[in-house]
Each structure stands twice: as structure tokens, then as C-alpha cells.
C-alpha atoms as a PDB file:
ATOM      1  CA  MET A   1      -7.685 -13.174 -23.478  1.00  0.00           C
ATOM      2  CA  LYS A   2      -5.358 -10.205 -23.473  1.00  0.00           C
ATOM      3  CA  ASN A   3      -3.039 -11.712 -20.830  1.00  0.00           C
ATOM      4  CA  ASP A   4      -2.749 -14.939 -22.811  1.00  0.00           C
ATOM      5  CA  ALA A   5      -1.721 -12.977 -25.899  1.00  0.00           C
ATOM      6  CA  LEU A   6       0.810 -11.001 -23.870  1.00  0.00           C
ATOM      7  CA  LEU A   7       2.303 -14.197 -22.450  1.00  0.00           C
ATOM      8  CA  HIS A   8       2.387 -15.813 -25.883  1.00  0.00           C
ATOM      9  CA  ASN A   9       4.200 -12.796 -27.355  1.00  0.00           C
ATOM     10  CA  LEU A  10       6.637 -12.745 -24.453  1.00  0.00           C
ATOM     11  CA  LEU A  11       7.435 -16.427 -24.818  1.00  0.00           C
ATOM     12  CA  GLN A  12       8.009 -16.000 -28.560  1.00  0.00           C
ATOM     13  CA  SER A  13      10.259 -12.965 -28.152  1.00  0.00           C
ATOM     14  CA  PRO A  14      13.981 -13.250 -28.923  1.00  0.00           C
ATOM     15  CA  LYS A  15      14.464 -11.092 -25.801  1.00  0.00           C
ATOM     16  CA  LEU A  16      12.808 -13.667 -23.519  1.00  0.00           C
ATOM     17  CA  VAL A  17      16.004 -14.395 -21.550  1.00  0.00           C
ATOM     18  CA  TRP A  18      16.637 -10.653 -21.080  1.00  0.00           C
ATOM     19  CA  TYR A  19      13.044 -10.162 -19.849  1.00  0.00           C
ATOM     20  CA  TYR A  20      13.485 -13.085 -17.483  1.00  0.00           C
ATOM     21  CA  GLU A  21      16.657 -11.570 -16.022  1.00  0.00           C
ATOM     22  CA  GLN A  22      14.979  -8.170 -15.612  1.00  0.00           C
ATOM     23  CA  ILE A  23      11.967  -9.712 -13.876  1.00  0.00           C
ATOM     24  CA  LYS A  24      14.195 -11.823 -11.628  1.00  0.00           C
ATOM     25  CA  GLU A  25      16.230  -8.739 -10.638  1.00  0.00           C
ATOM     26  CA  PHE A  26      13.039  -6.751  -9.974  1.00  0.00           C
ATOM     27  CA  ILE A  27      11.617  -9.508  -7.762  1.00  0.00           C
ATOM     28  CA  THR A  28      14.895  -9.872  -5.838  1.00  0.00           C
ATOM     29  CA  ASN A  29      15.114  -6.107  -5.226  1.00  0.00           C
ATOM     30  CA  GLU A  30      11.462  -5.937  -4.206  1.00  0.00           C
ATOM     31  CA  ARG A  31      11.944  -8.833  -1.765  1.00  0.00           C
ATOM     32  CA  GLU A  32      14.943  -7.080  -0.171  1.00  0.00           C
ATOM     33  CA  LYS A  33      12.987  -3.818   0.182  1.00  0.00           C
ATOM     34  CA  ARG A  34      10.060  -5.716   1.728  1.00  0.00           C
ATOM     35  CA  LEU A  35      12.309  -7.478   4.260  1.00  0.00           C
ATOM     36  CA  GLN A  36      13.870  -4.139   5.157  1.00  0.00           C
ATOM     37  CA  PHE A  37      10.369  -2.661   5.552  1.00  0.00           C
ATOM     38  CA  TYR A  38       9.373  -5.496   7.915  1.00  0.00           C
ATOM     39  CA  ALA A  39      12.585  -5.078   9.904  1.00  0.00           C
ATOM     40  CA  ASN A  40      12.182  -1.317  10.348  1.00  0.00           C
ATOM     41  CA  ILE A  41       8.440  -0.799  10.770  1.00  0.00           C
ATOM     42  CA  THR A  42       7.220  -0.212  14.313  1.00  0.00           C
ATOM     43  CA  GLU A  43       3.820  -0.045  15.978  1.00  0.00           C
ATOM     44  CA  LYS A  44       4.188   3.745  16.177  1.00  0.00           C
ATOM     45  CA  GLU A  45       3.886   4.226  12.420  1.00  0.00           C
ATOM     46  CA  LYS A  46       1.088   3.713   9.969  1.00  0.00           C
ATOM     47  CA  ALA A  47       2.866   2.614   6.839  1.00  0.00           C
ATOM     48  CA  GLU A  48       2.218   0.385   3.869  1.00  0.00           C
ATOM     49  CA  PHE A  49       4.469  -1.266   1.303  1.00  0.00           C
ATOM     50  CA  ILE A  50       2.984  -0.479  -2.108  1.00  0.00           C
ATOM     51  CA  ASN A  51       4.622  -1.206  -5.449  1.00  0.00           C
ATOM     52  CA  GLY A  52       8.072  -1.472  -3.877  1.00  0.00           C
ATOM     53  CA  ALA A  53       7.827   1.797  -1.930  1.00  0.00           C
ATOM     54  CA  ILE A  54       7.078   2.598   1.691  1.00  0.00           C
ATOM     55  CA  VAL A  55       4.016   4.840   1.986  1.00  0.00           C
ATOM     56  CA  MET A  56       3.669   6.671   5.309  1.00  0.00           C
ATOM     57  CA  HIS A  57       0.254   7.886   6.455  1.00  0.00           C
ATOM     58  CA  SER A  58      -0.615  10.845   8.615  1.00  0.00           C
ATOM     59  CA  PRO A  59      -2.633  10.453  11.817  1.00  0.00           C
ATOM     60  CA  VAL A  60      -6.380  10.109  11.311  1.00  0.00           C
ATOM     61  CA  ARG A  61      -8.856  12.915  11.910  1.00  0.00           C
ATOM     62  CA  SER A  62     -11.371  12.626  14.716  1.00  0.00           C
ATOM     63  CA  LYS A  63     -14.289  12.001  12.321  1.00  0.00           C
ATOM     64  CA  HIS A  64     -12.336   9.138  10.689  1.00  0.00           C
ATOM     65  CA  ASN A  65     -11.636   7.611  14.095  1.00  0.00           C
ATOM     66  CA  ASN A  66     -15.269   7.997  15.206  1.00  0.00           C
ATOM     67  CA  ALA A  67     -16.588   6.325  12.055  1.00  0.00           C
ATOM     68  CA  GLY A  68     -14.084   3.518  12.406  1.00  0.00           C
ATOM     69  CA  LEU A  69     -14.865   2.910  16.068  1.00  0.00           C
ATOM     70  CA  LEU A  70     -18.587   2.762  15.355  1.00  0.00           C
ATOM     71  CA  LEU A  71     -18.168   0.332  12.465  1.00  0.00           C
ATOM     72  CA  VAL A  72     -15.619  -1.890  14.200  1.00  0.00           C
ATOM     73  CA  GLY A  73     -17.785  -1.993  17.327  1.00  0.00           C
ATOM     74  CA  LEU A  74     -20.829  -3.142  15.387  1.00  0.00           C
ATOM     75  CA  LEU A  75     -18.914  -5.662  13.288  1.00  0.00           C
ATOM     76  CA  ASN A  76     -16.900  -7.013  16.213  1.00  0.00           C
ATOM     77  CA  SER A  77     -20.038  -7.472  18.356  1.00  0.00           C
ATOM     78  CA  PHE A  78     -21.711  -9.483  15.599  1.00  0.00           C
ATOM     79  CA  VAL A  79     -18.607 -11.576  14.851  1.00  0.00           C
ATOM     80  CA  TYR A  80     -18.041 -12.263  18.559  1.00  0.00           C
ATOM     81  CA  LYS A  81     -21.699 -13.137  19.236  1.00  0.00           C
ATOM     82  CA  TYR A  82     -21.781 -15.738  16.461  1.00  0.00           C
ATOM     83  CA  ASP A  83     -18.138 -16.862  16.832  1.00  0.00           C
ATOM     84  CA  LEU A  84     -17.430 -16.119  13.164  1.00  0.00           C
ATOM     85  CA  GLY A  85     -13.745 -15.218  13.254  1.00  0.00           C
ATOM     86  CA  TYR A  86     -11.529 -12.204  13.961  1.00  0.00           C
ATOM     87  CA  VAL A  87     -11.950  -8.456  13.424  1.00  0.00           C
ATOM     88  CA  GLY A  88      -8.874  -6.254  13.134  1.00  0.00           C
ATOM     89  CA  TYR A  89      -8.777  -2.468  13.344  1.00  0.00           C
ATOM     90  CA  GLU A  90      -6.269   0.060  11.941  1.00  0.00           C
ATOM     91  CA  LYS A  91      -2.883  -1.560  12.500  1.00  0.00           C
ATOM     92  CA  ILE A  92      -3.490  -4.926  10.814  1.00  0.00           C
ATOM     93  CA  MET A  93      -0.809  -5.500   8.143  1.00  0.00           C
ATOM     94  CA  VAL A  94      -2.437  -7.473   5.330  1.00  0.00           C
ATOM     95  CA  CYS A  95      -0.014  -9.182   2.955  1.00  0.00           C
ATOM     96  CA  LEU A  96      -1.212  -9.207  -0.647  1.00  0.00           C
ATOM     97  CA  ALA A  97       1.828  -9.720  -2.811  1.00  0.00           C
ATOM     98  CA  PRO A  98       3.348  -7.566  -4.035  1.00  0.00           C
ATOM     99  CA  ASN A  99       1.869  -5.062  -1.563  1.00  0.00           C
ATOM    100  CA  ASP A 100       1.213  -4.878   2.177  1.00  0.00           C
ATOM    101  CA  TYR A 101      -1.694  -2.738   3.372  1.00  0.00           C
ATOM    102  CA  GLU A 102      -3.031  -1.544   6.722  1.00  0.00           C
ATOM    103  CA  ALA A 103      -6.738  -1.517   6.060  1.00  0.00           C
ATOM    104  CA  ASP A 104      -8.991   0.344   8.487  1.00  0.00           C
ATOM    105  CA  ILE A 105     -11.105  -2.690   9.392  1.00  0.00           C
ATOM    106  CA  CYS A 106     -10.575  -6.326   8.401  1.00  0.00           C
ATOM    107  CA  PHE A 107     -12.583  -9.453   9.028  1.00  0.00           C
ATOM    108  CA  PHE A 108     -11.001 -12.904   8.836  1.00  0.00           C
ATOM    109  CA  ASP A 109     -13.305 -15.907   8.953  1.00  0.00           C
ATOM    110  CA  LYS A 110     -12.781 -18.583  11.571  1.00  0.00           C
ATOM    111  CA  SER A 111     -10.958 -20.949   9.205  1.00  0.00           C
ATOM    112  CA  LYS A 112      -8.173 -18.353   8.849  1.00  0.00           C
ATOM    113  CA  SER A 113      -8.253 -16.740  12.271  1.00  0.00           C
ATOM    114  CA  VAL A 114      -8.056 -19.977  14.241  1.00  0.00           C
ATOM    115  CA  ASN A 115      -4.347 -20.062  13.323  1.00  0.00           C
ATOM    116  CA  PHE A 116      -3.556 -16.480  14.397  1.00  0.00           C
ATOM    117  CA  THR A 117      -1.086 -16.030  17.246  1.00  0.00           C
ATOM    118  CA  PRO A 118      -0.962 -13.285  19.906  1.00  0.00           C
ATOM    119  CA  GLU A 119       2.378 -11.993  18.540  1.00  0.00           C
ATOM    120  CA  GLN A 120       1.357 -12.072  14.863  1.00  0.00           C
ATOM    121  CA  THR A 121       1.961  -8.882  12.867  1.00  0.00           C
ATOM    122  CA  LEU A 122       1.456 -10.031   9.264  1.00  0.00           C
ATOM    123  CA  PHE A 123      -1.941 -11.324   8.190  1.00  0.00           C
ATOM    124  CA  PRO A 124      -3.325 -13.087   5.094  1.00  0.00           C
ATOM    125  CA  ALA A 125      -5.924 -11.641   2.765  1.00  0.00           C
ATOM    126  CA  PRO A 126      -9.026 -10.756   4.782  1.00  0.00           C
ATOM    127  CA  ASP A 127     -12.486 -11.960   3.862  1.00  0.00           C
ATOM    128  CA  PHE A 128     -13.976  -8.478   4.294  1.00  0.00           C
ATOM    129  CA  VAL A 129     -12.311  -5.046   4.255  1.00  0.00           C
ATOM    130  CA  VAL A 130     -13.554  -1.583   5.207  1.00  0.00           C
ATOM    131  CA  GLU A 131     -11.662   1.549   4.178  1.00  0.00           C
ATOM    132  CA  ILE A 132     -12.877   4.849   5.584  1.00  0.00           C
ATOM    133  CA  LEU A 133     -12.313   7.450   2.906  1.00  0.00           C
ATOM    134  CA  SER A 134     -11.278  11.047   3.337  1.00  0.00           C
ATOM    135  CA  PRO A 135     -10.989  13.711   0.643  1.00  0.00           C
ATOM    136  CA  THR A 136      -7.178  13.611   0.758  1.00  0.00           C
ATOM    137  CA  THR A 137      -6.808   9.824   0.536  1.00  0.00           C
ATOM    138  CA  GLU A 138      -9.900   8.769  -1.424  1.00  0.00           C
ATOM    139  CA  GLU A 139      -8.154   8.109  -4.743  1.00  0.00           C
ATOM    140  CA  ILE A 140      -5.332   6.109  -3.143  1.00  0.00           C
ATOM    141  CA  GLU A 141      -7.604   4.147  -0.811  1.00  0.00           C
ATOM    142  CA  VAL A 142     -10.085   3.220  -3.533  1.00  0.00           C
ATOM    143  CA  SER A 143      -7.333   1.962  -5.850  1.00  0.00           C
ATOM    144  CA  ASN A 144      -5.733  -0.015  -2.981  1.00  0.00           C
ATOM    145  CA  LEU A 145      -9.097  -1.492  -2.025  1.00  0.00           C
ATOM    146  CA  LEU A 146      -9.733  -2.510  -5.626  1.00  0.00           C
ATOM    147  CA  ILE A 147      -6.324  -4.192  -5.681  1.00  0.00           C
ATOM    148  CA  MET A 148      -7.252  -6.111  -2.515  1.00  0.00           C
ATOM    149  CA  LEU A 149     -10.516  -7.241  -4.095  1.00  0.00           C
ATOM    150  CA  ILE A 150      -8.828  -8.295  -7.309  1.00  0.00           C
ATOM    151  CA  VAL A 151      -6.056 -10.238  -5.554  1.00  0.00           C
ATOM    152  CA  GLU A 152      -8.442 -12.217  -3.398  1.00  0.00           C
END
């Protein structure tokens, strides 16, 4: 595998200690930025923490909201009827290291959601994600969604 070869080459490199220090510094800086993001984010903003940067989103258009409400209504009715878990809409912060996303609609199965608290603001990887695409955000949303799928 390509990753195995990369790791092998890294471990054999005379610069291994330097790489280690650079990675450790990167992770420490990223952790500090993430903690600052968590401390400063409010319910008023739609923001995500992606690749060490805070990404702010504009308000949604009416057609985006209408599509989301229709989908979340259908999904939530089904999940509620069969007691399958928890459905989140819009402002659910999903933690997928190294990034934190606010997906449009998330479903968490009962085994995860049974542990959720009323004051919870950070959530684990969902079992199902819906992103409503718009022409201005399609490329970003698709790449973020693919990252979510790959991580889980």
C-alpha cells in the first residue's frame, strides 16, 4: 500500500526526529486553535473548523431551508416512529478529527444517541449525513461530505 511505503520511508529517514517535532508542533497548534474555536463559537454563527481554520457560512437561502425542513421532517418522523435514534438539523457540530462540521441533517443511531445530553454541543460521527448543495458551496460541501464518509 502507498501509505505503508510512505510510513516505511519516513521511519527510515535521517530526518525522522525533525519530522516528529514538526508534526508535534502542528498538532499542538491545531489543538489550541480548536479550543479557541470552541470557546468563541456561539449559537448565532454557522461556522466549521476545517484544516485548522475557522470557516464561516452565510445564511441559507429559502429554497435550501425548505428542502432541509422537508427532509428533516420525513427522516425525523420515521426515526421517532421506530425509536431508532436522534436526528439533528443545521446546528449540530460533528467532531471528526481534525475537522468539525455542521452538517445540514445528521442521524445518530440509538446506541450513540442514548448518551446525548440536553446541553451537548459537540457530537460524534453521525451514522447518516445529508448535505443540501447550492451552486456556491457545492465543491466545498461535497469534499467535506467525502471526508466525513472516509473518516467514519
